[in-house]
Amino acid sequence: MLIHEQPSFGKEANLSPHLGLVSLASILVSSLIFILKYYAYYKTQSIAFYSDAIESIVNIIISAIAWLAILISMRPADTNHPFGHNKAEYFSAAFEGSLIFIAALIIIKKAILGLSLQHESIKFNNGFIISSLAAILQGLWGGLLWQQAKKYNAIALKADALHMLSDVGTTIAVIVGVMVSYISSYYFLDPIIAIAIAANILWQGYKIIKNSVQGLMDHCVDDTTYQRIKEIISNNAAGAIEAHELKTRTAGSIIFIEFHLVVAAAMRVNTAHNICDTIEMALKKDFPTARVLIHIEPEEEAQCHSTSGS
């Protein structure tokens, strides 16, 4: 049985160096957002604003970890890491999720203290405007990060973007909630809002950790991607008898694709090789970072079905 594959050694990094600059800029933007939000807390003395600022500290750390993970992931494959360094992004995402849990506990502690005090503390001033500006900046930057993360399938950057975008909704809810608390004089709403924010943070942390664990466990691609891979193989396997035992897994931005291609026993090796090249080029057109492994088998191995498997 022949195996047609793309060598790993000597290949360039899979992620664009451009992502390193984007993730580095994200640290600076996250720092600016934290300064704005903490100033809003300082001016208003709102516990909910405090919780929003604490979450921004997590954003700074997440951005820094994402930057480091992307730098590691960009390293080309070597002798000790023949499949590359892309799984560093999953370790990054798992650590980010853990930090989010810690931030939530800090917020809950502050909120419980606020509930026990039960006195007027919120000050209505330009802190609300400052917090609004921080939300706008966060939304714009989060959208940019999400576009870049999707373009390059950068797992660490996706976690950063998702957390930042979800934080925009949190900030808007905080501004509205604290304003209602101030106008109605129901000041106990302020720490309750903070606890609600902490609950949302815990949920986001759980999702990030869950996704990172799936990646570390060599999770297969989603159903839509899987069906597209099957379609590409079927449309570009002219001359072969069938393809079966299709298997996929992901590692950061990389998709590993493996299947068996059945050809006539009398087919020349170079002809089978050309069919493999055609399929591989077609797959890489839709999935540029794909690593394709094709097992060539003689016709007696035919299973009378195409591109089946898991």
Protein backbone atom coordinates (compact mmCIF):
# COMPACT_ATOMS: atom_id res chain seq x y z
CA MET A 1 0.00 0.00 0.00
CA LEU A 2 1.36 3.44 -0.94
CA ILE A 3 0.94 6.56 1.13
CA HIS A 4 0.87 9.93 -0.53
CA GLU A 5 1.50 12.76 1.90
CA GLN A 6 2.89 16.24 2.23
CA PRO A 7 6.15 16.36 4.23
CA SER A 8 6.07 18.54 7.33
CA PHE A 9 9.71 19.45 7.75
CA GLY A 10 10.99 22.70 6.36
CA LYS A 11 7.53 24.10 5.82
CA GLU A 12 6.76 27.67 6.71
CA ALA A 13 4.67 28.55 9.73
CA ASN A 14 0.96 27.93 9.31
CA LEU A 15 -0.29 31.16 10.86
CA SER A 16 0.40 34.49 9.25
CA PRO A 17 2.99 36.69 11.05
CA HIS A 18 0.33 39.37 10.69
CA LEU A 19 -1.59 37.65 13.50
CA GLY A 20 1.34 38.21 15.86
CA LEU A 21 1.04 41.97 15.31
CA VAL A 22 -2.75 41.85 15.70
CA SER A 23 -2.53 39.95 19.00
CA LEU A 24 0.18 42.33 20.25
CA ALA A 25 -2.00 45.32 19.40
CA SER A 26 -4.84 43.60 21.26
CA ILE A 27 -2.82 43.80 24.48
CA LEU A 28 -2.53 47.57 24.09
CA VAL A 29 -6.21 47.99 23.23
CA SER A 30 -7.27 45.81 26.16
CA SER A 31 -5.07 47.89 28.48
CA LEU A 32 -6.70 51.11 27.26
CA ILE A 33 -10.17 49.62 27.76
CA PHE A 34 -9.25 48.61 31.32
CA ILE A 35 -8.04 52.13 32.12
CA LEU A 36 -11.31 53.60 30.83
CA LYS A 37 -13.46 51.13 32.75
CA TYR A 38 -11.54 51.46 35.98
CA TYR A 39 -11.79 55.24 35.73
CA ALA A 40 -15.56 54.82 35.27
CA TYR A 41 -15.64 52.72 38.47
CA TYR A 42 -13.49 55.28 40.32
CA LYS A 43 -15.84 58.08 39.35
CA THR A 44 -19.12 56.25 40.02
CA GLN A 45 -18.08 53.87 42.86
CA SER A 46 -20.42 51.29 41.31
CA ILE A 47 -19.66 47.66 42.17
CA ALA A 48 -21.07 46.63 38.79
CA PHE A 49 -18.62 49.00 37.08
CA TYR A 50 -15.89 47.48 39.25
CA SER A 51 -16.81 43.98 38.02
CA ASP A 52 -16.68 45.21 34.43
CA ALA A 53 -13.20 46.64 35.04
CA ILE A 54 -11.98 43.37 36.61
CA GLU A 55 -13.16 41.49 33.55
CA SER A 56 -11.06 43.86 31.45
CA ILE A 57 -7.97 42.79 33.40
CA VAL A 58 -8.74 39.26 32.25
CA ASN A 59 -8.90 40.59 28.69
CA ILE A 60 -5.37 41.96 29.02
CA ILE A 61 -4.04 38.63 30.29
CA ILE A 62 -5.98 36.71 27.62
CA SER A 63 -4.56 38.96 24.89
CA ALA A 64 -1.03 38.45 26.22
CA ILE A 65 -1.44 34.68 26.35
CA ALA A 66 -2.99 34.65 22.87
CA TRP A 67 -0.01 36.60 21.55
CA LEU A 68 2.43 34.12 23.09
CA ALA A 69 0.43 31.11 21.87
CA ILE A 70 0.30 32.49 18.32
CA LEU A 71 4.08 33.07 18.33
CA ILE A 72 4.60 29.44 19.37
CA SER A 73 2.05 28.15 16.85
CA MET A 74 3.79 30.02 14.04
CA ARG A 75 6.94 27.93 14.48
CA PRO A 76 7.41 25.47 11.60
CA ALA A 77 7.40 21.72 12.17
CA ASP A 78 10.69 20.23 13.33
CA THR A 79 12.16 16.85 14.25
CA ASN A 80 10.63 16.83 17.74
CA HIS A 81 7.31 18.30 16.57
CA PRO A 82 6.71 16.84 13.08
CA PHE A 83 3.06 17.97 13.11
CA GLY A 84 3.88 21.54 14.11
CA HIS A 85 3.15 23.55 17.28
CA ASN A 86 -0.49 24.48 16.68
CA LYS A 87 -1.87 22.85 19.81
CA ALA A 88 -0.20 25.56 21.87
CA GLU A 89 -3.31 27.59 21.12
CA TYR A 90 -5.49 25.06 22.95
CA PHE A 91 -3.33 25.24 26.07
CA SER A 92 -3.67 29.02 25.84
CA ALA A 93 -7.46 28.84 25.63
CA ALA A 94 -7.62 26.45 28.63
CA PHE A 95 -5.51 28.84 30.72
CA GLU A 96 -7.69 31.75 29.65
CA GLY A 97 -10.79 29.91 30.81
CA SER A 98 -9.18 29.31 34.21
CA LEU A 99 -8.37 33.01 34.59
CA ILE A 100 -11.97 33.88 33.80
CA PHE A 101 -13.12 31.67 36.67
CA ILE A 102 -10.75 33.50 39.06
CA ALA A 103 -12.06 36.89 37.89
CA ALA A 104 -15.63 35.75 38.53
CA LEU A 105 -14.77 34.76 42.11
CA ILE A 106 -13.17 38.18 42.75
CA ILE A 107 -16.31 39.91 41.46
CA ILE A 108 -18.62 37.74 43.57
CA LYS A 109 -16.61 38.54 46.72
CA LYS A 110 -16.86 42.28 46.02
CA ALA A 111 -20.58 42.01 45.24
CA ILE A 112 -21.38 40.12 48.46
CA LEU A 113 -19.55 42.81 50.42
CA GLY A 114 -21.64 45.44 48.62
CA LEU A 115 -24.86 43.64 49.53
CA SER A 116 -23.88 43.56 53.19
CA LEU A 117 -23.23 47.32 53.25
CA GLN A 118 -26.58 48.29 51.66
CA HIS A 119 -26.10 52.05 51.46
CA GLU A 120 -26.09 54.67 48.77
CA SER A 121 -22.76 54.64 46.97
CA ILE A 122 -23.37 55.26 43.26
CA LYS A 123 -22.39 58.66 41.91
CA PHE A 124 -23.90 59.88 38.65
CA ASN A 125 -21.20 61.62 36.58
CA ASN A 126 -19.12 61.29 33.40
CA GLY A 127 -18.12 57.77 34.45
CA PHE A 128 -21.15 56.53 32.51
CA ILE A 129 -19.91 58.25 29.35
CA ILE A 130 -16.40 56.87 29.82
CA SER A 131 -17.78 53.35 30.21
CA SER A 132 -19.83 53.81 27.03
CA LEU A 133 -16.71 54.85 25.10
CA ALA A 134 -14.92 51.75 26.39
CA ALA A 135 -17.78 49.56 25.14
CA ILE A 136 -17.65 51.14 21.67
CA LEU A 137 -13.88 50.65 21.45
CA GLN A 138 -14.22 47.08 22.65
CA GLY A 139 -16.92 46.29 20.11
CA LEU A 140 -14.91 47.67 17.20
CA TRP A 141 -11.73 45.89 18.20
CA GLY A 142 -13.52 42.63 19.03
CA GLY A 143 -15.10 42.62 15.56
CA LEU A 144 -11.70 43.09 13.94
CA LEU A 145 -10.21 40.28 16.02
CA TRP A 146 -13.06 37.94 15.07
CA GLN A 147 -12.54 38.61 11.35
CA GLN A 148 -8.82 37.83 11.62
CA ALA A 149 -9.44 34.75 13.80
CA LYS A 150 -11.93 33.32 11.28
CA LYS A 151 -9.67 34.10 8.32
CA TYR A 152 -6.71 32.21 9.80
CA ASN A 153 -8.66 29.84 12.11
CA ALA A 154 -6.58 31.08 15.04
CA ILE A 155 -8.03 29.39 18.14
CA ALA A 156 -6.36 31.66 20.72
CA LEU A 157 -7.46 34.78 18.83
CA LYS A 158 -11.01 33.43 18.57
CA ALA A 159 -11.14 33.02 22.36
CA ASP A 160 -9.87 36.58 22.76
CA ALA A 161 -12.40 37.96 20.26
CA LEU A 162 -15.37 36.04 21.70
CA HIS A 163 -14.62 37.16 25.23
CA MET A 164 -14.18 40.75 24.12
CA LEU A 165 -17.42 40.79 22.11
CA SER A 166 -19.41 39.19 24.91
CA ASP A 167 -17.96 41.80 27.25
CA VAL A 168 -19.54 44.55 25.13
CA GLY A 169 -23.01 43.27 25.95
CA THR A 170 -22.01 43.00 29.59
CA THR A 171 -20.85 46.62 29.67
CA ILE A 172 -24.07 47.87 28.07
CA ALA A 173 -26.11 45.88 30.61
CA VAL A 174 -24.01 47.34 33.42
CA ILE A 175 -24.53 50.93 32.25
CA VAL A 176 -28.30 50.50 31.91
CA GLY A 177 -28.61 48.54 35.16
CA VAL A 178 -26.57 50.95 37.24
CA MET A 179 -28.49 53.90 35.81
CA VAL A 180 -31.79 52.23 36.77
CA SER A 181 -30.37 51.53 40.22
CA TYR A 182 -29.41 55.18 40.64
CA ILE A 183 -32.69 56.63 39.33
CA SER A 184 -34.87 54.24 41.36
CA SER A 185 -32.68 54.47 44.49
CA TYR A 186 -32.69 50.64 44.61
CA TYR A 187 -28.96 50.53 45.28
CA PHE A 188 -29.01 46.83 46.10
CA LEU A 189 -29.39 46.26 42.35
CA ASP A 190 -25.78 47.35 41.83
CA PRO A 191 -24.11 44.30 43.52
CA ILE A 192 -26.80 42.01 42.10
CA ILE A 193 -25.84 43.15 38.61
CA ALA A 194 -22.22 42.42 39.49
CA ILE A 195 -23.14 38.86 40.54
CA ALA A 196 -25.02 38.39 37.24
CA ILE A 197 -21.88 39.51 35.39
CA ALA A 198 -19.84 36.98 37.36
CA ALA A 199 -22.28 34.22 36.37
CA ASN A 200 -21.93 35.19 32.70
CA ILE A 201 -18.14 35.18 33.04
CA LEU A 202 -18.25 31.68 34.52
CA TRP A 203 -20.33 30.48 31.56
CA GLN A 204 -17.88 32.01 29.07
CA GLY A 205 -14.97 30.40 30.90
CA TYR A 206 -16.67 27.00 30.78
CA LYS A 207 -17.21 27.26 27.00
CA ILE A 208 -13.59 28.28 26.37
CA ILE A 209 -12.24 25.38 28.45
CA LYS A 210 -14.65 22.92 26.80
CA ASN A 211 -13.53 23.97 23.28
CA SER A 212 -9.84 23.74 24.22
CA VAL A 213 -10.28 20.23 25.69
CA GLN A 214 -12.02 19.09 22.50
CA GLY A 215 -9.06 20.36 20.47
CA LEU A 216 -6.53 18.60 22.71
CA MET A 217 -8.54 15.38 22.28
CA ASP A 218 -8.17 15.57 18.46
CA HIS A 219 -11.80 16.51 17.86
CA CYS A 220 -13.04 16.01 14.30
CA VAL A 221 -14.20 18.88 12.09
CA ASP A 222 -17.83 20.05 12.22
CA ASP A 223 -20.45 18.35 10.04
CA THR A 224 -20.55 21.12 7.42
CA THR A 225 -16.78 21.01 6.94
CA TYR A 226 -16.81 17.20 6.86
CA GLN A 227 -19.46 17.12 4.12
CA ARG A 228 -17.51 19.70 2.12
CA ILE A 229 -14.35 17.57 2.34
CA LYS A 230 -16.29 14.53 1.11
CA GLU A 231 -17.68 16.55 -1.78
CA ILE A 232 -14.25 17.81 -2.84
CA ILE A 233 -12.76 14.32 -2.77
CA SER A 234 -15.65 12.87 -4.79
CA ASN A 235 -15.48 15.65 -7.40
CA ASN A 236 -11.73 15.36 -7.92
CA ALA A 237 -11.08 11.62 -7.78
CA ALA A 238 -11.64 10.91 -11.49
CA GLY A 239 -9.84 7.70 -12.43
CA ALA A 240 -10.10 6.17 -8.95
CA ILE A 241 -12.65 3.52 -8.03
CA GLU A 242 -13.69 4.91 -4.66
CA ALA A 243 -12.56 6.69 -1.51
CA HIS A 244 -13.38 5.47 1.99
CA GLU A 245 -12.32 5.58 5.66
CA LEU A 246 -12.31 9.38 5.71
CA LYS A 247 -11.04 10.70 9.05
CA THR A 248 -10.37 14.25 10.18
CA ARG A 249 -8.96 16.02 13.22
CA THR A 250 -8.05 19.58 14.09
CA ALA A 251 -5.01 21.10 15.79
CA GLY A 252 -5.23 24.86 16.06
CA SER A 253 -5.52 26.25 12.56
CA ILE A 254 -4.57 22.92 10.96
CA ILE A 255 -7.04 20.34 9.61
CA PHE A 256 -5.65 16.82 9.21
CA ILE A 257 -7.45 14.81 6.51
CA GLU A 258 -6.85 11.11 5.98
CA PHE A 259 -8.61 8.59 3.73
CA HIS A 260 -8.13 5.52 1.55
CA LEU A 261 -8.23 5.87 -2.24
CA VAL A 262 -8.95 2.66 -4.19
CA VAL A 263 -7.53 2.44 -7.74
CA ALA A 264 -7.29 -0.27 -10.39
CA ALA A 265 -4.59 -2.83 -9.63
CA ALA A 266 -3.05 -2.23 -13.06
CA MET A 267 -2.87 1.56 -12.64
CA ARG A 268 0.64 3.01 -12.92
CA VAL A 269 2.10 4.58 -9.78
CA ASN A 270 2.55 7.99 -11.37
CA THR A 271 -1.11 8.00 -12.51
CA ALA A 272 -2.31 7.27 -8.96
CA HIS A 273 0.09 9.95 -7.73
CA ASN A 274 -1.43 12.50 -10.10
CA ILE A 275 -4.94 11.71 -8.83
CA CYS A 276 -3.72 12.27 -5.28
CA ASP A 277 -2.16 15.59 -6.28
CA THR A 278 -5.41 16.72 -7.89
CA ILE A 279 -7.43 15.87 -4.78
CA GLU A 280 -4.89 17.48 -2.45
CA MET A 281 -4.77 20.72 -4.44
CA ALA A 282 -8.58 20.88 -4.49
CA LEU A 283 -8.73 20.37 -0.71
CA LYS A 284 -6.11 23.04 -0.10
CA LYS A 285 -8.05 25.50 -2.23
CA ASP A 286 -10.88 25.41 0.34
CA PHE A 287 -8.70 24.57 3.36
CA PRO A 288 -5.26 26.19 2.86
CA THR A 289 -3.79 24.82 6.10
CA ALA A 290 -4.94 21.23 5.49
CA ARG A 291 -2.53 18.33 5.92
CA VAL A 292 -3.63 15.53 3.60
CA LEU A 293 -2.72 11.86 4.00
CA ILE A 294 -3.96 9.49 1.26
CA HIS A 295 -3.59 5.69 1.42
CA ILE A 296 -3.55 4.15 -2.06
CA GLU A 297 -5.19 0.70 -2.19
CA PRO A 298 -5.80 -1.84 -5.00
CA GLU A 299 -9.31 -2.52 -6.33
CA GLU A 300 -9.87 -5.65 -4.22
CA GLU A 301 -10.03 -3.32 -1.20
CA ALA A 302 -13.08 -1.52 -2.62
CA GLN A 303 -15.96 -1.27 -0.16
CA CYS A 304 -18.58 -0.07 -2.65
CA HIS A 305 -19.06 3.26 -0.90
CA SER A 306 -17.33 6.60 -1.19
CA THR A 307 -15.65 8.89 1.35
CA SER A 308 -17.31 7.21 4.31
CA GLY A 309 -15.88 6.95 7.77
CA SER A 310 -15.59 9.20 10.81
